[in-house]
Amino acid sequence: MIDEVLPTFRYYADPFGEGRFERSATACEVCGRGRGWAFVGVLYSAKVNDPVICPWCIADGTAAEKWNGSFNETAEAIAEERDQEIRECTPNMQTWQDLQWPCHCDDACCYLGQPDAAELRAKPNALEALLARLAEDGHTGDGAERIVDAMGYSPTTYLFRCLHCGKQIAEWDAD
């Protein structure tokens, strides 16, 4: 294992803190190097199942290229290079069901994490974003408040921020 500066991901605020990578002495199946970290997530590919991938090979797109795979899909059409960065160079978040990456201001948003009910209530913009999303799904008033109160493990909120205007966007899911 070697000590290198960890790559950053424009569209994922803290994949290391979120547990998308874990310490590992196993060599990456893309670059062949034992760099000390392995991806804990899914590469969608018909060519390989559960490969060991280091964060550097995700960040530079070589993992997706090697196996003609992707990590994510965007929710709407955006510029090809931005869409490609989400699909091929951004680790996916842990979700119950597949989630399309939200977009705003013609770009993908940055994933911030999975706040629980207390964290949502402490962040008015995040709470407002979740309540708006719940309303779109037909949950309003007391029903929406009960869902917010239950946020944590399941149901859960996936919080995003627009990189251009700062608007917070929330998706939610339950098992």
Protein backbone atom coordinates (compact mmCIF):
# COMPACT_ATOMS: atom_id res chain seq x y z
CA MET A 1 0.00 0.00 0.00
CA ILE A 2 1.19 3.47 -0.82
CA ASP A 3 0.22 6.84 0.52
CA GLU A 4 -1.10 9.12 -2.21
CA VAL A 5 -3.27 12.19 -2.16
CA LEU A 6 -6.82 10.92 -2.51
CA PRO A 7 -8.73 12.02 -5.58
CA THR A 8 -11.66 14.37 -5.21
CA PHE A 9 -14.98 14.07 -6.98
CA ARG A 10 -16.76 17.23 -8.11
CA TYR A 11 -20.18 15.63 -7.83
CA TYR A 12 -19.69 13.68 -4.58
CA ALA A 13 -18.72 15.74 -1.53
CA ASP A 14 -17.29 12.99 0.70
CA PRO A 15 -17.27 9.46 -0.74
CA PHE A 16 -14.54 8.41 1.71
CA GLY A 17 -16.49 9.62 4.75
CA GLU A 18 -19.66 8.01 3.37
CA GLY A 19 -17.94 4.61 3.17
CA ARG A 20 -17.88 4.29 -0.62
CA PHE A 21 -14.20 3.37 -0.33
CA GLU A 22 -12.59 1.20 2.30
CA ARG A 23 -8.99 0.52 3.24
CA SER A 24 -7.70 -2.48 1.32
CA ALA A 25 -4.37 -4.14 0.56
CA THR A 26 -5.85 -5.77 -2.57
CA ALA A 27 -4.53 -4.53 -5.89
CA CYS A 28 -6.87 -2.61 -8.17
CA GLU A 29 -8.02 -4.71 -11.11
CA VAL A 30 -7.68 -1.72 -13.43
CA CYS A 31 -4.22 -0.28 -12.71
CA GLY A 32 -2.81 -3.32 -10.92
CA ARG A 33 -1.56 -1.24 -8.01
CA GLY A 34 -2.17 -1.80 -4.31
CA ARG A 35 -2.99 1.78 -3.44
CA GLY A 36 -4.66 1.14 -0.10
CA TRP A 37 -8.28 1.79 -1.07
CA ALA A 38 -11.06 -0.16 -2.81
CA PHE A 39 -14.48 0.93 -4.04
CA VAL A 40 -17.52 -0.35 -2.16
CA GLY A 41 -20.24 0.07 -4.72
CA VAL A 42 -21.48 -1.05 -8.09
CA LEU A 43 -19.98 -0.70 -11.54
CA TYR A 44 -22.81 -1.44 -13.96
CA SER A 45 -21.19 -3.58 -16.65
CA ALA A 46 -21.97 -6.75 -18.55
CA LYS A 47 -18.24 -7.53 -18.63
CA VAL A 48 -17.37 -7.82 -14.91
CA ASN A 49 -19.01 -8.45 -11.52
CA ASP A 50 -17.77 -6.76 -8.34
CA PRO A 51 -14.28 -5.77 -9.46
CA VAL A 52 -11.75 -4.29 -7.03
CA ILE A 53 -11.32 -0.70 -8.15
CA CYS A 54 -9.20 2.03 -6.58
CA PRO A 55 -10.61 5.58 -6.33
CA TRP A 56 -8.03 6.92 -8.81
CA CYS A 57 -9.28 4.59 -11.56
CA ILE A 58 -12.83 5.80 -10.96
CA ALA A 59 -11.80 9.47 -10.90
CA ASP A 60 -9.92 9.28 -14.20
CA GLY A 61 -12.54 7.12 -15.93
CA THR A 62 -10.28 4.15 -16.66
CA ALA A 63 -12.43 1.67 -14.69
CA ALA A 64 -15.59 2.50 -16.64
CA GLU A 65 -13.64 2.50 -19.89
CA LYS A 66 -11.98 -0.87 -19.22
CA TRP A 67 -15.28 -2.67 -18.66
CA ASN A 68 -17.56 -0.43 -20.76
CA GLY A 69 -19.51 0.35 -17.62
CA SER A 70 -21.04 3.17 -15.64
CA PHE A 71 -21.55 4.13 -12.02
CA ASN A 72 -24.56 6.47 -12.35
CA GLU A 73 -27.18 7.89 -14.68
CA THR A 74 -28.34 11.50 -14.71
CA ALA A 75 -31.98 12.48 -14.31
CA GLU A 76 -32.05 14.79 -17.33
CA ALA A 77 -30.07 15.76 -20.40
CA ILE A 78 -26.98 17.84 -19.63
CA ALA A 79 -23.77 18.58 -21.54
CA GLU A 80 -22.09 15.35 -22.64
CA GLU A 81 -18.84 15.94 -20.73
CA ARG A 82 -20.73 16.54 -17.47
CA ASP A 83 -22.96 13.53 -18.05
CA GLN A 84 -19.88 11.43 -18.78
CA GLU A 85 -18.24 12.58 -15.54
CA ILE A 86 -21.29 11.40 -13.56
CA ARG A 87 -21.57 8.11 -15.47
CA GLU A 88 -17.89 7.18 -15.64
CA CYS A 89 -15.90 9.19 -13.07
CA THR A 90 -18.17 9.54 -10.02
CA PRO A 91 -18.72 6.76 -7.49
CA ASN A 92 -22.35 5.91 -6.85
CA MET A 93 -23.99 6.47 -3.51
CA GLN A 94 -25.53 3.64 -1.52
CA THR A 95 -29.26 3.51 -2.27
CA TRP A 96 -32.13 1.11 -1.82
CA GLN A 97 -33.10 1.37 -5.46
CA ASP A 98 -31.31 2.85 -8.43
CA LEU A 99 -31.46 6.62 -8.30
CA GLN A 100 -30.95 8.96 -11.21
CA TRP A 101 -28.52 11.73 -10.30
CA PRO A 102 -30.42 15.03 -10.05
CA CYS A 103 -29.46 18.01 -12.18
CA HIS A 104 -29.99 21.76 -11.86
CA CYS A 105 -28.71 24.75 -13.84
CA ASP A 106 -27.82 22.42 -16.74
CA ASP A 107 -25.37 20.43 -14.62
CA ALA A 108 -25.39 17.49 -12.25
CA CYS A 109 -25.67 18.35 -8.56
CA CYS A 110 -23.13 17.50 -5.86
CA TYR A 111 -24.18 14.69 -3.53
CA LEU A 112 -23.90 15.80 0.12
CA GLY A 113 -25.04 12.72 2.04
CA GLN A 114 -27.98 11.15 3.82
CA PRO A 115 -29.21 13.46 6.59
CA ASP A 116 -31.49 12.07 9.27
CA ALA A 117 -34.58 13.87 10.59
CA ALA A 118 -32.65 16.01 13.10
CA GLU A 119 -30.11 17.09 10.48
CA LEU A 120 -32.91 17.93 8.04
CA ARG A 121 -34.73 20.03 10.64
CA ALA A 122 -31.45 21.86 11.43
CA LYS A 123 -31.04 22.77 7.74
CA PRO A 124 -34.13 24.68 6.58
CA ASN A 125 -33.09 24.57 2.91
CA ALA A 126 -32.64 20.79 3.04
CA LEU A 127 -35.97 20.32 4.81
CA GLU A 128 -37.70 22.58 2.29
CA ALA A 129 -36.18 20.57 -0.58
CA LEU A 130 -37.35 17.28 0.93
CA LEU A 131 -40.87 18.58 1.63
CA ALA A 132 -41.10 19.80 -1.98
CA ARG A 133 -40.02 16.37 -3.24
CA LEU A 134 -42.48 14.62 -0.92
CA ALA A 135 -45.28 16.88 -2.19
CA GLU A 136 -44.41 15.91 -5.78
CA ASP A 137 -44.93 12.31 -4.66
CA GLY A 138 -48.32 13.14 -3.08
CA HIS A 139 -47.20 13.41 0.56
CA THR A 140 -48.23 16.66 2.25
CA GLY A 141 -49.12 17.94 5.71
CA ASP A 142 -48.97 15.44 8.56
CA GLY A 143 -48.11 12.58 6.19
CA ALA A 144 -45.02 14.39 4.95
CA GLU A 145 -44.02 15.32 8.51
CA ARG A 146 -44.26 11.65 9.59
CA ILE A 147 -41.97 10.66 6.72
CA VAL A 148 -39.48 13.39 7.69
CA ASP A 149 -39.57 12.22 11.32
CA ALA A 150 -38.76 8.67 10.19
CA MET A 151 -35.75 9.67 8.06
CA GLY A 152 -32.61 7.80 8.93
CA TYR A 153 -32.13 4.23 7.80
CA SER A 154 -35.41 3.68 5.93
CA PRO A 155 -36.81 5.90 4.66
CA THR A 156 -33.75 7.90 3.79
CA THR A 157 -33.00 11.24 2.15
CA TYR A 158 -30.32 11.80 -0.46
CA LEU A 159 -29.30 15.45 -0.33
CA PHE A 160 -27.71 17.30 -3.26
CA ARG A 161 -26.60 20.89 -3.93
CA CYS A 162 -26.50 22.69 -7.25
CA LEU A 163 -22.91 23.67 -7.98
CA HIS A 164 -24.03 26.89 -9.67
CA CYS A 165 -26.86 28.46 -7.66
CA GLY A 166 -26.53 26.50 -4.39
CA LYS A 167 -30.12 25.21 -4.41
CA GLN A 168 -30.53 22.05 -2.36
CA ILE A 169 -32.33 19.13 -3.93
CA ALA A 170 -33.55 16.09 -2.04
CA GLU A 171 -34.51 12.64 -3.22
CA TRP A 172 -35.92 10.05 -0.89
CA ASP A 173 -36.36 6.32 -0.85
CA ALA A 174 -37.48 3.48 1.37
CA ASP A 175 -36.78 -0.23 1.33
